[in-house]
Amino acid sequence: MKAQGLYDPRAERDSCGVGFVLNLDGRAEHRIVEKGIEVLENLLHRGATGADPDTGDGAGLLIQIPDGFFREETERLGFTLPEAGRYGVGSFFLPPGGKELADTKAGLQRLLLEE
C-alpha cells in the first residue's frame, strides 16, 4: 500500500484491540497520554492484562520521545544525546542477575551497536 492522507505504511504495527488518540497537527500534549491510558483501561477485556493479570502482555502506548526530558536526564548523568530523531529509547526486561544477566546485556549492547 502507498502513503495517503494520514496513512503511512511505514508506521504499520501488528495490533489487536487498538485505540487511537492524537492531535492531527502532531503537537505533543500530556492530555493525549492521559486519554491513551484511558483507552488502555477500557481495553482490559481485549487482553491488555493477558492470562496473568500480574504481568500483562505488553499492551501500552506508542508516544513521541519527550526529547527535553531525556536531554535533562542525560545531561545530569554526564552524557549528550544526538539530535532529536537520531536516537531511540526502550524498556528491557532483563534476567535478575548472574551470568545470564551479563550475557543478555552483552548481547543487547552488540545488537544496539550494530544498529
PDB file of N, CA and C in Angstrom:
ATOM      1  N   MET A   1       0.843  -1.177   0.000  1.00  0.00           N
ATOM      2  CA  MET A   1       0.000   0.000   0.000  1.00  0.00           C
ATOM      3  C   MET A   1       0.885   1.237   0.000  1.00  0.00           C
ATOM      4  N   LYS A   2       0.344   2.335  -0.484  1.00  0.00           N
ATOM      5  CA  LYS A   2       1.124   3.570  -0.518  1.00  0.00           C
ATOM      6  C   LYS A   2       0.566   4.584   0.475  1.00  0.00           C
ATOM      7  N   ALA A   3       1.415   5.534   0.842  1.00  0.00           N
ATOM      8  CA  ALA A   3       1.006   6.584   1.774  1.00  0.00           C
ATOM      9  C   ALA A   3      -0.130   7.399   1.167  1.00  0.00           C
ATOM     10  N   GLN A   4      -1.109   7.711   2.012  1.00  0.00           N
ATOM     11  CA  GLN A   4      -2.247   8.504   1.551  1.00  0.00           C
ATOM     12  C   GLN A   4      -2.863   9.194   2.763  1.00  0.00           C
ATOM     13  N   GLY A   5      -3.008  10.504   2.711  1.00  0.00           N
ATOM     14  CA  GLY A   5      -3.573  11.240   3.837  1.00  0.00           C
ATOM     15  C   GLY A   5      -2.755  11.003   5.090  1.00  0.00           C
ATOM     16  N   LEU A   6      -3.408  10.578   6.165  1.00  0.00           N
ATOM     17  CA  LEU A   6      -2.706  10.291   7.415  1.00  0.00           C
ATOM     18  C   LEU A   6      -2.081   8.897   7.428  1.00  0.00           C
ATOM     19  N   TYR A   7      -2.416   8.059   6.433  1.00  0.00           N
ATOM     20  CA  TYR A   7      -1.908   6.688   6.413  1.00  0.00           C
ATOM     21  C   TYR A   7      -0.501   6.643   5.832  1.00  0.00           C
ATOM     22  N   ASP A   8       0.406   5.974   6.531  1.00  0.00           N
ATOM     23  CA  ASP A   8       1.761   5.749   6.047  1.00  0.00           C
ATOM     24  C   ASP A   8       2.102   4.291   6.344  1.00  0.00           C
ATOM     25  N   PRO A   9       2.298   3.456   5.310  1.00  0.00           N
ATOM     26  CA  PRO A   9       2.543   2.034   5.551  1.00  0.00           C
ATOM     27  C   PRO A   9       3.799   1.761   6.373  1.00  0.00           C
ATOM     28  N   ARG A  10       4.734   2.709   6.454  1.00  0.00           N
ATOM     29  CA  ARG A  10       5.933   2.514   7.274  1.00  0.00           C
ATOM     30  C   ARG A  10       5.598   2.484   8.759  1.00  0.00           C
ATOM     31  N   ALA A  11       4.423   2.970   9.134  1.00  0.00           N
ATOM     32  CA  ALA A  11       4.024   3.013  10.543  1.00  0.00           C
ATOM     33  C   ALA A  11       3.187   1.800  10.940  1.00  0.00           C
ATOM     34  N   GLU A  12       3.092   0.799  10.074  1.00  0.00           N
ATOM     35  CA  GLU A  12       2.286  -0.391  10.369  1.00  0.00           C
ATOM     36  C   GLU A  12       2.807  -1.113  11.604  1.00  0.00           C
ATOM     37  N   ARG A  13       1.907  -1.599  12.446  1.00  0.00           N
ATOM     38  CA  ARG A  13       2.224  -2.395  13.629  1.00  0.00           C
ATOM     39  C   ARG A  13       1.151  -3.483  13.743  1.00  0.00           C
ATOM     40  N   ASP A  14       1.557  -4.680  14.176  1.00  0.00           N
ATOM     41  CA  ASP A  14       0.565  -5.710  14.468  1.00  0.00           C
ATOM     42  C   ASP A  14      -0.158  -5.315  15.740  1.00  0.00           C
ATOM     43  N   SER A  15      -1.481  -5.416  15.717  1.00  0.00           N
ATOM     44  CA  SER A  15      -2.247  -4.996  16.885  1.00  0.00           C
ATOM     45  C   SER A  15      -3.569  -5.741  16.957  1.00  0.00           C
ATOM     46  N   CYS A  16      -4.051  -5.901  18.168  1.00  0.00           N
ATOM     47  CA  CYS A  16      -5.374  -6.450  18.401  1.00  0.00           C
ATOM     48  C   CYS A  16      -5.996  -5.610  19.503  1.00  0.00           C
ATOM     49  N   GLY A  17      -7.132  -5.036  19.248  1.00  0.00           N
ATOM     50  CA  GLY A  17      -7.744  -4.138  20.215  1.00  0.00           C
ATOM     51  C   GLY A  17      -6.974  -2.836  20.237  1.00  0.00           C
ATOM     52  N   VAL A  18      -7.230  -1.975  19.291  1.00  0.00           N
ATOM     53  CA  VAL A  18      -6.442  -0.755  19.110  1.00  0.00           C
ATOM     54  C   VAL A  18      -7.297   0.468  19.375  1.00  0.00           C
ATOM     55  N   GLY A  19      -6.720   1.454  20.017  1.00  0.00           N
ATOM     56  CA  GLY A  19      -7.367   2.748  20.184  1.00  0.00           C
ATOM     57  C   GLY A  19      -6.392   3.827  19.762  1.00  0.00           C
ATOM     58  N   PHE A  20      -6.891   4.874  19.157  1.00  0.00           N
ATOM     59  CA  PHE A  20      -6.037   5.983  18.724  1.00  0.00           C
ATOM     60  C   PHE A  20      -6.490   7.268  19.386  1.00  0.00           C
ATOM     61  N   VAL A  21      -5.538   8.007  19.921  1.00  0.00           N
ATOM     62  CA  VAL A  21      -5.784   9.342  20.447  1.00  0.00           C
ATOM     63  C   VAL A  21      -4.627  10.184  19.924  1.00  0.00           C
ATOM     64  N   LEU A  22      -4.926  11.255  19.210  1.00  0.00           N
ATOM     65  CA  LEU A  22      -3.852  12.035  18.617  1.00  0.00           C
ATOM     66  C   LEU A  22      -4.276  13.462  18.338  1.00  0.00           C
ATOM     67  N   ASN A  23      -3.290  14.301  18.114  1.00  0.00           N
ATOM     68  CA  ASN A  23      -3.508  15.642  17.585  1.00  0.00           C
ATOM     69  C   ASN A  23      -3.181  15.569  16.104  1.00  0.00           C
ATOM     70  N   LEU A  24      -4.085  15.995  15.258  1.00  0.00           N
ATOM     71  CA  LEU A  24      -3.825  15.940  13.827  1.00  0.00           C
ATOM     72  C   LEU A  24      -2.670  16.845  13.422  1.00  0.00           C
ATOM     73  N   ASP A  25      -2.370  17.860  14.228  1.00  0.00           N
ATOM     74  CA  ASP A  25      -1.252  18.751  13.906  1.00  0.00           C
ATOM     75  C   ASP A  25       0.075  18.249  14.473  1.00  0.00           C
ATOM     76  N   GLY A  26       0.072  17.082  15.152  1.00  0.00           N
ATOM     77  CA  GLY A  26       1.299  16.486  15.660  1.00  0.00           C
ATOM     78  C   GLY A  26       1.853  17.111  16.920  1.00  0.00           C
ATOM     79  N   ARG A  27       1.115  18.009  17.532  1.00  0.00           N
ATOM     80  CA  ARG A  27       1.570  18.681  18.755  1.00  0.00           C
ATOM     81  C   ARG A  27       1.567  17.700  19.929  1.00  0.00           C
ATOM     82  N   ALA A  28       2.655  17.668  20.663  1.00  0.00           N
ATOM     83  CA  ALA A  28       2.743  16.791  21.839  1.00  0.00           C
ATOM     84  C   ALA A  28       2.026  17.447  23.009  1.00  0.00           C
ATOM     85  N   GLU A  29       1.112  16.708  23.641  1.00  0.00           N
ATOM     86  CA  GLU A  29       0.383  17.211  24.809  1.00  0.00           C
ATOM     87  C   GLU A  29       0.207  16.073  25.805  1.00  0.00           C
ATOM     88  N   HIS A  30       0.372  16.365  27.078  1.00  0.00           N
ATOM     89  CA  HIS A  30       0.193  15.336  28.105  1.00  0.00           C
ATOM     90  C   HIS A  30      -1.248  14.818  28.112  1.00  0.00           C
ATOM     91  N   ARG A  31      -2.204  15.657  27.735  1.00  0.00           N
ATOM     92  CA  ARG A  31      -3.611  15.249  27.687  1.00  0.00           C
ATOM     93  C   ARG A  31      -3.786  14.036  26.768  1.00  0.00           C
ATOM     94  N   ILE A  32      -3.011  13.958  25.696  1.00  0.00           N
ATOM     95  CA  ILE A  32      -3.103  12.832  24.767  1.00  0.00           C
ATOM     96  C   ILE A  32      -2.660  11.547  25.471  1.00  0.00           C
ATOM     97  N   VAL A  33      -1.604  11.620  26.266  1.00  0.00           N
ATOM     98  CA  VAL A  33      -1.144  10.448  27.021  1.00  0.00           C
ATOM     99  C   VAL A  33      -2.217  10.023  28.022  1.00  0.00           C
ATOM    100  N   GLU A  34      -2.807  10.988  28.723  1.00  0.00           N
ATOM    101  CA  GLU A  34      -3.869  10.662  29.687  1.00  0.00           C
ATOM    102  C   GLU A  34      -5.029   9.955  28.998  1.00  0.00           C
ATOM    103  N   LYS A  35      -5.433  10.439  27.832  1.00  0.00           N
ATOM    104  CA  LYS A  35      -6.529   9.801  27.089  1.00  0.00           C
ATOM    105  C   LYS A  35      -6.112   8.413  26.597  1.00  0.00           C
ATOM    106  N   GLY A  36      -4.843   8.253  26.209  1.00  0.00           N
ATOM    107  CA  GLY A  36      -4.343   6.943  25.785  1.00  0.00           C
ATOM    108  C   GLY A  36      -4.405   5.928  26.904  1.00  0.00           C
ATOM    109  N   ILE A  37      -4.071   6.354  28.115  1.00  0.00           N
ATOM    110  CA  ILE A  37      -4.170   5.469  29.284  1.00  0.00           C
ATOM    111  C   ILE A  37      -5.625   5.080  29.516  1.00  0.00           C
ATOM    112  N   GLU A  38      -6.520   6.021  29.321  1.00  0.00           N
ATOM    113  CA  GLU A  38      -7.952   5.721  29.454  1.00  0.00           C
ATOM    114  C   GLU A  38      -8.375   4.663  28.434  1.00  0.00           C
ATOM    115  N   VAL A  39      -7.871   4.754  27.207  1.00  0.00           N
ATOM    116  CA  VAL A  39      -8.169   3.737  26.190  1.00  0.00           C
ATOM    117  C   VAL A  39      -7.677   2.375  26.667  1.00  0.00           C
ATOM    118  N   LEU A  40      -6.435   2.304  27.157  1.00  0.00           N
ATOM    119  CA  LEU A  40      -5.899   1.028  27.647  1.00  0.00           C
ATOM    120  C   LEU A  40      -6.751   0.449  28.771  1.00  0.00           C
ATOM    121  N   GLU A  41      -7.188   1.314  29.681  1.00  0.00           N
ATOM    122  CA  GLU A  41      -8.035   0.843  30.781  1.00  0.00           C
ATOM    123  C   GLU A  41      -9.334   0.253  30.255  1.00  0.00           C
ATOM    124  N   ASN A  42      -9.822   0.789  29.148  1.00  0.00           N
ATOM    125  CA  ASN A  42     -11.064   0.291  28.565  1.00  0.00           C
ATOM    126  C   ASN A  42     -10.848  -0.911  27.658  1.00  0.00           C
ATOM    127  N   LEU A  43      -9.595  -1.320  27.447  1.00  0.00           N
ATOM    128  CA  LEU A  43      -9.299  -2.487  26.615  1.00  0.00           C
ATOM    129  C   LEU A  43      -8.931  -3.716  27.445  1.00  0.00           C
ATOM    130  N   LEU A  44      -9.127  -3.652  28.751  1.00  0.00           N
ATOM    131  CA  LEU A  44      -8.772  -4.798  29.593  1.00  0.00           C
ATOM    132  C   LEU A  44      -9.428  -6.079  29.092  1.00  0.00           C
ATOM    133  N   HIS A  45     -10.648  -5.973  28.593  1.00  0.00           N
ATOM    134  CA  HIS A  45     -11.364  -7.152  28.102  1.00  0.00           C
ATOM    135  C   HIS A  45     -10.741  -7.700  26.821  1.00  0.00           C
ATOM    136  N   ARG A  46      -9.859  -6.937  26.168  1.00  0.00           N
ATOM    137  CA  ARG A  46      -9.217  -7.379  24.934  1.00  0.00           C
ATOM    138  C   ARG A  46      -7.858  -8.009  25.198  1.00  0.00           C
ATOM    139  N   GLY A  47      -7.534  -8.244  26.450  1.00  0.00           N
ATOM    140  CA  GLY A  47      -6.299  -8.953  26.754  1.00  0.00           C
ATOM    141  C   GLY A  47      -5.159  -8.082  27.220  1.00  0.00           C
ATOM    142  N   ALA A  48      -5.430  -6.828  27.559  1.00  0.00           N
ATOM    143  CA  ALA A  48      -4.343  -5.947  27.985  1.00  0.00           C
ATOM    144  C   ALA A  48      -3.670  -6.431  29.262  1.00  0.00           C
ATOM    145  N   THR A  49      -4.301  -7.367  29.966  1.00  0.00           N
ATOM    146  CA  THR A  49      -3.631  -7.972  31.116  1.00  0.00           C
ATOM    147  C   THR A  49      -3.269  -9.421  30.843  1.00  0.00           C
ATOM    148  N   GLY A  50      -3.690  -9.968  29.724  1.00  0.00           N
ATOM    149  CA  GLY A  50      -3.346 -11.340  29.385  1.00  0.00           C
ATOM    150  C   GLY A  50      -3.921 -12.339  30.375  1.00  0.00           C
ATOM    151  N   ALA A  51      -3.431 -13.570  30.299  1.00  0.00           N
ATOM    152  CA  ALA A  51      -3.913 -14.624  31.186  1.00  0.00           C
ATOM    153  C   ALA A  51      -3.429 -14.412  32.615  1.00  0.00           C
ATOM    154  N   ASP A  52      -2.325 -13.696  32.753  1.00  0.00           N
ATOM    155  CA  ASP A  52      -1.754 -13.441  34.076  1.00  0.00           C
ATOM    156  C   ASP A  52      -1.837 -11.943  34.360  1.00  0.00           C
ATOM    157  N   PRO A  53      -2.813 -11.510  35.152  1.00  0.00           N
ATOM    158  CA  PRO A  53      -3.003 -10.073  35.381  1.00  0.00           C
ATOM    159  C   PRO A  53      -1.833  -9.391  36.089  1.00  0.00           C
ATOM    160  N   ASP A  54      -0.895 -10.176  36.647  1.00  0.00           N
ATOM    161  CA  ASP A  54       0.258  -9.573  37.314  1.00  0.00           C
ATOM    162  C   ASP A  54       1.358  -9.158  36.342  1.00  0.00           C
ATOM    163  N   THR A  55       1.332  -9.678  35.111  1.00  0.00           N
ATOM    164  CA  THR A  55       2.413  -9.361  34.176  1.00  0.00           C
ATOM    165  C   THR A  55       1.948  -8.643  32.917  1.00  0.00           C
ATOM    166  N   GLY A  56       0.716  -8.836  32.466  1.00  0.00           N
ATOM    167  CA  GLY A  56       0.244  -8.192  31.242  1.00  0.00           C
ATOM    168  C   GLY A  56       0.864  -8.806  30.008  1.00  0.00           C
ATOM    169  N   ASP A  57       0.508  -8.257  28.845  1.00  0.00           N
ATOM    170  CA  ASP A  57       1.010  -8.814  27.586  1.00  0.00           C
ATOM    171  C   ASP A  57       1.794  -7.796  26.770  1.00  0.00           C
ATOM    172  N   GLY A  58       2.200  -6.710  27.391  1.00  0.00           N
ATOM    173  CA  GLY A  58       2.957  -5.711  26.660  1.00  0.00           C
ATOM    174  C   GLY A  58       2.102  -4.621  26.060  1.00  0.00           C
ATOM    175  N   ALA A  59       0.801  -4.633  26.331  1.00  0.00           N
ATOM    176  CA  ALA A  59      -0.053  -3.563  25.829  1.00  0.00           C
ATOM    177  C   ALA A  59       0.458  -2.245  26.385  1.00  0.00           C
ATOM    178  N   GLY A  60       0.475  -1.230  25.564  1.00  0.00           N
ATOM    179  CA  GLY A  60       0.998   0.039  26.045  1.00  0.00           C
ATOM    180  C   GLY A  60       0.740   1.162  25.079  1.00  0.00           C
ATOM    181  N   LEU A  61       1.527   2.203  25.212  1.00  0.00           N
ATOM    182  CA  LEU A  61       1.369   3.411  24.419  1.00  0.00           C
ATOM    183  C   LEU A  61       2.557   3.579  23.485  1.00  0.00           C
ATOM    184  N   LEU A  62       2.281   4.003  22.271  1.00  0.00           N
ATOM    185  CA  LEU A  62       3.322   4.404  21.337  1.00  0.00           C
ATOM    186  C   LEU A  62       3.280   5.923  21.308  1.00  0.00           C
ATOM    187  N   ILE A  63       4.304   6.565  21.859  1.00  0.00           N
ATOM    188  CA  ILE A  63       4.287   8.022  22.010  1.00  0.00           C
ATOM    189  C   ILE A  63       5.548   8.643  21.417  1.00  0.00           C
ATOM    190  N   GLN A  64       5.487   9.960  21.246  1.00  0.00           N
ATOM    191  CA  GLN A  64       6.670  10.695  20.826  1.00  0.00           C
ATOM    192  C   GLN A  64       7.687  10.676  21.960  1.00  0.00           C
ATOM    193  N   ILE A  65       8.953  10.684  21.613  1.00  0.00           N
ATOM    194  CA  ILE A  65      10.002  10.741  22.629  1.00  0.00           C
ATOM    195  C   ILE A  65      10.041  12.151  23.205  1.00  0.00           C
ATOM    196  N   PRO A  66       9.916  12.287  24.531  1.00  0.00           N
ATOM    197  CA  PRO A  66       9.989  13.618  25.150  1.00  0.00           C
ATOM    198  C   PRO A  66      11.449  14.085  25.211  1.00  0.00           C
ATOM    199  N   ASP A  67      11.921  14.644  24.102  1.00  0.00           N
ATOM    200  CA  ASP A  67      13.331  14.994  23.935  1.00  0.00           C
ATOM    201  C   ASP A  67      13.859  15.862  25.077  1.00  0.00           C
ATOM    202  N   GLY A  68      13.111  16.885  25.475  1.00  0.00           N
ATOM    203  CA  GLY A  68      13.576  17.769  26.545  1.00  0.00           C
ATOM    204  C   GLY A  68      13.841  17.017  27.835  1.00  0.00           C
ATOM    205  N   PHE A  69      12.935  16.104  28.174  1.00  0.00           N
ATOM    206  CA  PHE A  69      13.095  15.297  29.388  1.00  0.00           C
ATOM    207  C   PHE A  69      14.375  14.465  29.319  1.00  0.00           C
ATOM    208  N   PHE A  70      14.576  13.758  28.192  1.00  0.00           N
ATOM    209  CA  PHE A  70      15.757  12.907  28.074  1.00  0.00           C
ATOM    210  C   PHE A  70      17.041  13.727  28.038  1.00  0.00           C
ATOM    211  N   ARG A  71      17.014  14.914  27.453  1.00  0.00           N
ATOM    212  CA  ARG A  71      18.205  15.779  27.442  1.00  0.00           C
ATOM    213  C   ARG A  71      18.587  16.189  28.866  1.00  0.00           C
ATOM    214  N   GLU A  72      17.588  16.576  29.650  1.00  0.00           N
ATOM    215  CA  GLU A  72      17.872  16.959  31.042  1.00  0.00           C
ATOM    216  C   GLU A  72      18.460  15.788  31.826  1.00  0.00           C
ATOM    217  N   GLU A  73      17.864  14.614  31.663  1.00  0.00           N
ATOM    218  CA  GLU A  73      18.323  13.440  32.415  1.00  0.00           C
ATOM    219  C   GLU A  73      19.718  13.004  31.983  1.00  0.00           C
ATOM    220  N   THR A  74      19.978  12.970  30.669  1.00  0.00           N
ATOM    221  CA  THR A  74      21.296  12.518  30.219  1.00  0.00           C
ATOM    222  C   THR A  74      22.377  13.533  30.566  1.00  0.00           C
ATOM    223  N   GLU A  75      22.032  14.812  30.566  1.00  0.00           N
ATOM    224  CA  GLU A  75      22.996  15.834  30.995  1.00  0.00           C
ATOM    225  C   GLU A  75      23.361  15.608  32.464  1.00  0.00           C
ATOM    226  N   ARG A  76      22.339  15.331  33.269  1.00  0.00           N
ATOM    227  CA  ARG A  76      22.565  15.055  34.690  1.00  0.00           C
ATOM    228  C   ARG A  76      23.449  13.818  34.873  1.00  0.00           C
ATOM    229  N   LEU A  77      23.303  12.836  33.965  1.00  0.00           N
ATOM    230  CA  LEU A  77      24.082  11.599  34.049  1.00  0.00           C
ATOM    231  C   LEU A  77      25.455  11.718  33.385  1.00  0.00           C
ATOM    232  N   GLY A  78      25.705  12.855  32.721  1.00  0.00           N
ATOM    233  CA  GLY A  78      27.036  13.095  32.178  1.00  0.00           C
ATOM    234  C   GLY A  78      27.273  12.700  30.740  1.00  0.00           C
ATOM    235  N   PHE A  79      26.217  12.578  29.935  1.00  0.00           N
ATOM    236  CA  PHE A  79      26.456  12.352  28.507  1.00  0.00           C
ATOM    237  C   PHE A  79      25.445  13.129  27.677  1.00  0.00           C
ATOM    238  N   THR A  80      25.764  13.292  26.399  1.00  0.00           N
ATOM    239  CA  THR A  80      24.960  14.114  25.495  1.00  0.00           C
ATOM    240  C   THR A  80      24.304  13.240  24.440  1.00  0.00           C
ATOM    241  N   LEU A  81      23.037  13.473  24.199  1.00  0.00           N
ATOM    242  CA  LEU A  81      22.298  12.741  23.168  1.00  0.00           C
ATOM    243  C   LEU A  81      22.576  13.323  21.786  1.00  0.00           C
ATOM    244  N   PRO A  82      22.412  12.510  20.741  1.00  0.00           N
ATOM    245  CA  PRO A  82      22.428  13.061  19.380  1.00  0.00           C
ATOM    246  C   PRO A  82      21.207  13.969  19.190  1.00  0.00           C
ATOM    247  N   GLU A  83      21.105  14.587  18.038  1.00  0.00           N
ATOM    248  CA  GLU A  83      19.970  15.469  17.765  1.00  0.00           C
ATOM    249  C   GLU A  83      18.653  14.690  17.826  1.00  0.00           C
ATOM    250  N   ALA A  84      17.569  15.403  18.097  1.00  0.00           N
ATOM    251  CA  ALA A  84      16.236  14.783  18.165  1.00  0.00           C
ATOM    252  C   ALA A  84      15.970  14.024  16.870  1.00  0.00           C
ATOM    253  N   GLY A  85      15.409  12.838  17.002  1.00  0.00           N
ATOM    254  CA  GLY A  85      15.111  11.999  15.845  1.00  0.00           C
ATOM    255  C   GLY A  85      16.244  11.055  15.475  1.00  0.00           C
ATOM    256  N   ARG A  86      17.399  11.179  16.138  1.00  0.00           N
ATOM    257  CA  ARG A  86      18.561  10.344  15.825  1.00  0.00           C
ATOM    258  C   ARG A  86      18.891   9.368  16.957  1.00  0.00           C
ATOM    259  N   TYR A  87      17.972   9.207  17.901  1.00  0.00           N
ATOM    260  CA  TYR A  87      18.171   8.245  18.984  1.00  0.00           C
ATOM    261  C   TYR A  87      16.823   7.625  19.326  1.00  0.00           C
ATOM    262  N   GLY A  88      16.860   6.527  20.042  1.00  0.00           N
ATOM    263  CA  GLY A  88      15.636   5.858  20.468  1.00  0.00           C
ATOM    264  C   GLY A  88      15.729   5.485  21.937  1.00  0.00           C
ATOM    265  N   VAL A  89      14.607   5.120  22.496  1.00  0.00           N
ATOM    266  CA  VAL A  89      14.553   4.666  23.883  1.00  0.00           C
ATOM    267  C   VAL A  89      13.781   3.359  23.924  1.00  0.00           C
ATOM    268  N   GLY A  90      14.024   2.561  24.936  1.00  0.00           N
ATOM    269  CA  GLY A  90      13.317   1.296  25.041  1.00  0.00           C
ATOM    270  C   GLY A  90      13.291   0.791  26.470  1.00  0.00           C
ATOM    271  N   SER A  91      12.405  -0.147  26.713  1.00  0.00           N
ATOM    272  CA  SER A  91      12.316  -0.836  28.003  1.00  0.00           C
ATOM    273  C   SER A  91      12.738  -2.278  27.781  1.00  0.00           C
ATOM    274  N   PHE A  92      13.563  -2.781  28.656  1.00  0.00           N
ATOM    275  CA  PHE A  92      14.047  -4.146  28.531  1.00  0.00           C
ATOM    276  C   PHE A  92      13.764  -4.896  29.824  1.00  0.00           C
ATOM    277  N   PHE A  93      13.289  -6.110  29.699  1.00  0.00           N
ATOM    278  CA  PHE A  93      13.039  -6.971  30.845  1.00  0.00           C
ATOM    279  C   PHE A  93      14.204  -7.955  30.917  1.00  0.00           C
ATOM    280  N   LEU A  94      15.086  -7.747  31.881  1.00  0.00           N
ATOM    281  CA  LEU A  94      16.334  -8.492  31.969  1.00  0.00           C
ATOM    282  C   LEU A  94      16.274  -9.553  33.059  1.00  0.00           C
ATOM    283  N   PRO A  95      17.111 -10.591  32.913  1.00  0.00           N
ATOM    284  CA  PRO A  95      17.209 -11.587  33.983  1.00  0.00           C
ATOM    285  C   PRO A  95      17.661 -10.914  35.278  1.00  0.00           C
ATOM    286  N   PRO A  96      17.342 -11.501  36.428  1.00  0.00           N
ATOM    287  CA  PRO A  96      17.629 -10.847  37.703  1.00  0.00           C
ATOM    288  C   PRO A  96      19.110 -10.745  38.062  1.00  0.00           C
ATOM    289  N   GLY A  97      19.975 -11.549  37.492  1.00  0.00           N
ATOM    290  CA  GLY A  97      21.382 -11.439  37.869  1.00  0.00           C
ATOM    291  C   GLY A  97      22.230 -12.558  37.310  1.00  0.00           C
ATOM    292  N   GLY A  98      23.483 -12.574  37.743  1.00  0.00           N
ATOM    293  CA  GLY A  98      24.404 -13.634  37.377  1.00  0.00           C
ATOM    294  C   GLY A  98      24.856 -13.593  35.931  1.00  0.00           C
ATOM    295  N   LYS A  99      25.346 -14.738  35.458  1.00  0.00           N
ATOM    296  CA  LYS A  99      25.879 -14.862  34.103  1.00  0.00           C
ATOM    297  C   LYS A  99      24.811 -14.562  33.056  1.00  0.00           C
ATOM    298  N   GLU A 100      23.588 -14.980  33.325  1.00  0.00           N
ATOM    299  CA  GLU A 100      22.504 -14.746  32.364  1.00  0.00           C
ATOM    300  C   GLU A 100      22.291 -13.246  32.139  1.00  0.00           C
ATOM    301  N   LEU A 101      22.333 -12.458  33.198  1.00  0.00           N
ATOM    302  CA  LEU A 101      22.199 -11.005  33.073  1.00  0.00           C
ATOM    303  C   LEU A 101      23.369 -10.427  32.284  1.00  0.00           C
ATOM    304  N   ALA A 102      24.585 -10.829  32.625  1.00  0.00           N
ATOM    305  CA  ALA A 102      25.775 -10.323  31.932  1.00  0.00           C
ATOM    306  C   ALA A 102      25.729 -10.675  30.448  1.00  0.00           C
ATOM    307  N   ASP A 103      25.356 -11.914  30.121  1.00  0.00           N
ATOM    308  CA  ASP A 103      25.272 -12.336  28.721  1.00  0.00           C
ATOM    309  C   ASP A 103      24.193 -11.561  27.968  1.00  0.00           C
ATOM    310  N   THR A 104      23.061 -11.339  28.626  1.00  0.00           N
ATOM    311  CA  THR A 104      21.966 -10.602  27.994  1.00  0.00           C
ATOM    312  C   THR A 104      22.374  -9.163  27.721  1.00  0.00           C
ATOM    313  N   LYS A 105      23.002  -8.515  28.692  1.00  0.00           N
ATOM    314  CA  LYS A 105      23.469  -7.133  28.497  1.00  0.00           C
ATOM    315  C   LYS A 105      24.485  -7.057  27.360  1.00  0.00           C
ATOM    316  N   ALA A 106      25.414  -8.006  27.314  1.00  0.00           N
ATOM    317  CA  ALA A 106      26.423  -8.018  26.254  1.00  0.00           C
ATOM    318  C   ALA A 106      25.762  -8.202  24.890  1.00  0.00           C
ATOM    319  N   GLY A 107      24.782  -9.089  24.810  1.00  0.00           N
ATOM    320  CA  GLY A 107      24.065  -9.302  23.549  1.00  0.00           C
ATOM    321  C   GLY A 107      23.291  -8.073  23.112  1.00  0.00           C
ATOM    322  N   LEU A 108      22.619  -7.426  24.054  1.00  0.00           N
ATOM    323  CA  LEU A 108      21.887  -6.193  23.734  1.00  0.00           C
ATOM    324  C   LEU A 108      22.834  -5.103  23.253  1.00  0.00           C
ATOM    325  N   GLN A 109      23.951  -4.946  23.946  1.00  0.00           N
ATOM    326  CA  GLN A 109      24.915  -3.919  23.546  1.00  0.00           C
ATOM    327  C   GLN A 109      25.425  -4.191  22.132  1.00  0.00           C
ATOM    328  N   ARG A 110      25.724  -5.437  21.827  1.00  0.00           N
ATOM    329  CA  ARG A 110      26.196  -5.807  20.492  1.00  0.00           C
ATOM    330  C   ARG A 110      25.142  -5.464  19.432  1.00  0.00           C
ATOM    331  N   LEU A 111      23.889  -5.833  19.694  1.00  0.00           N
ATOM    332  CA  LEU A 111      22.813  -5.542  18.738  1.00  0.00           C
ATOM    333  C   LEU A 111      22.603  -4.044  18.548  1.00  0.00           C
ATOM    334  N   LEU A 112      22.628  -3.296  19.648  1.00  0.00           N
ATOM    335  CA  LEU A 112      22.414  -1.851  19.561  1.00  0.00           C
ATOM    336  C   LEU A 112      23.548  -1.162  18.815  1.00  0.00           C
ATOM    337  N   LEU A 113      24.778  -1.609  19.019  1.00  0.00           N
ATOM    338  CA  LEU A 113      25.906  -1.022  18.296  1.00  0.00           C
ATOM    339  C   LEU A 113      25.815  -1.304  16.799  1.00  0.00           C
ATOM    340  N   GLU A 114      25.252  -2.463  16.428  1.00  0.00           N
ATOM    341  CA  GLU A 114      25.067  -2.792  15.009  1.00  0.00           C
ATOM    342  C   GLU A 114      24.048  -1.875  14.345  1.00  0.00           C
ATOM    343  N   GLU A 115      23.093  -1.397  15.124  1.00  0.00           N
ATOM    344  CA  GLU A 115      22.063  -0.511  14.577  1.00  0.00           C
ATOM    345  C   GLU A 115      22.644   0.852  14.301  1.00  0.00           C
TER     346      GLU A 115
END
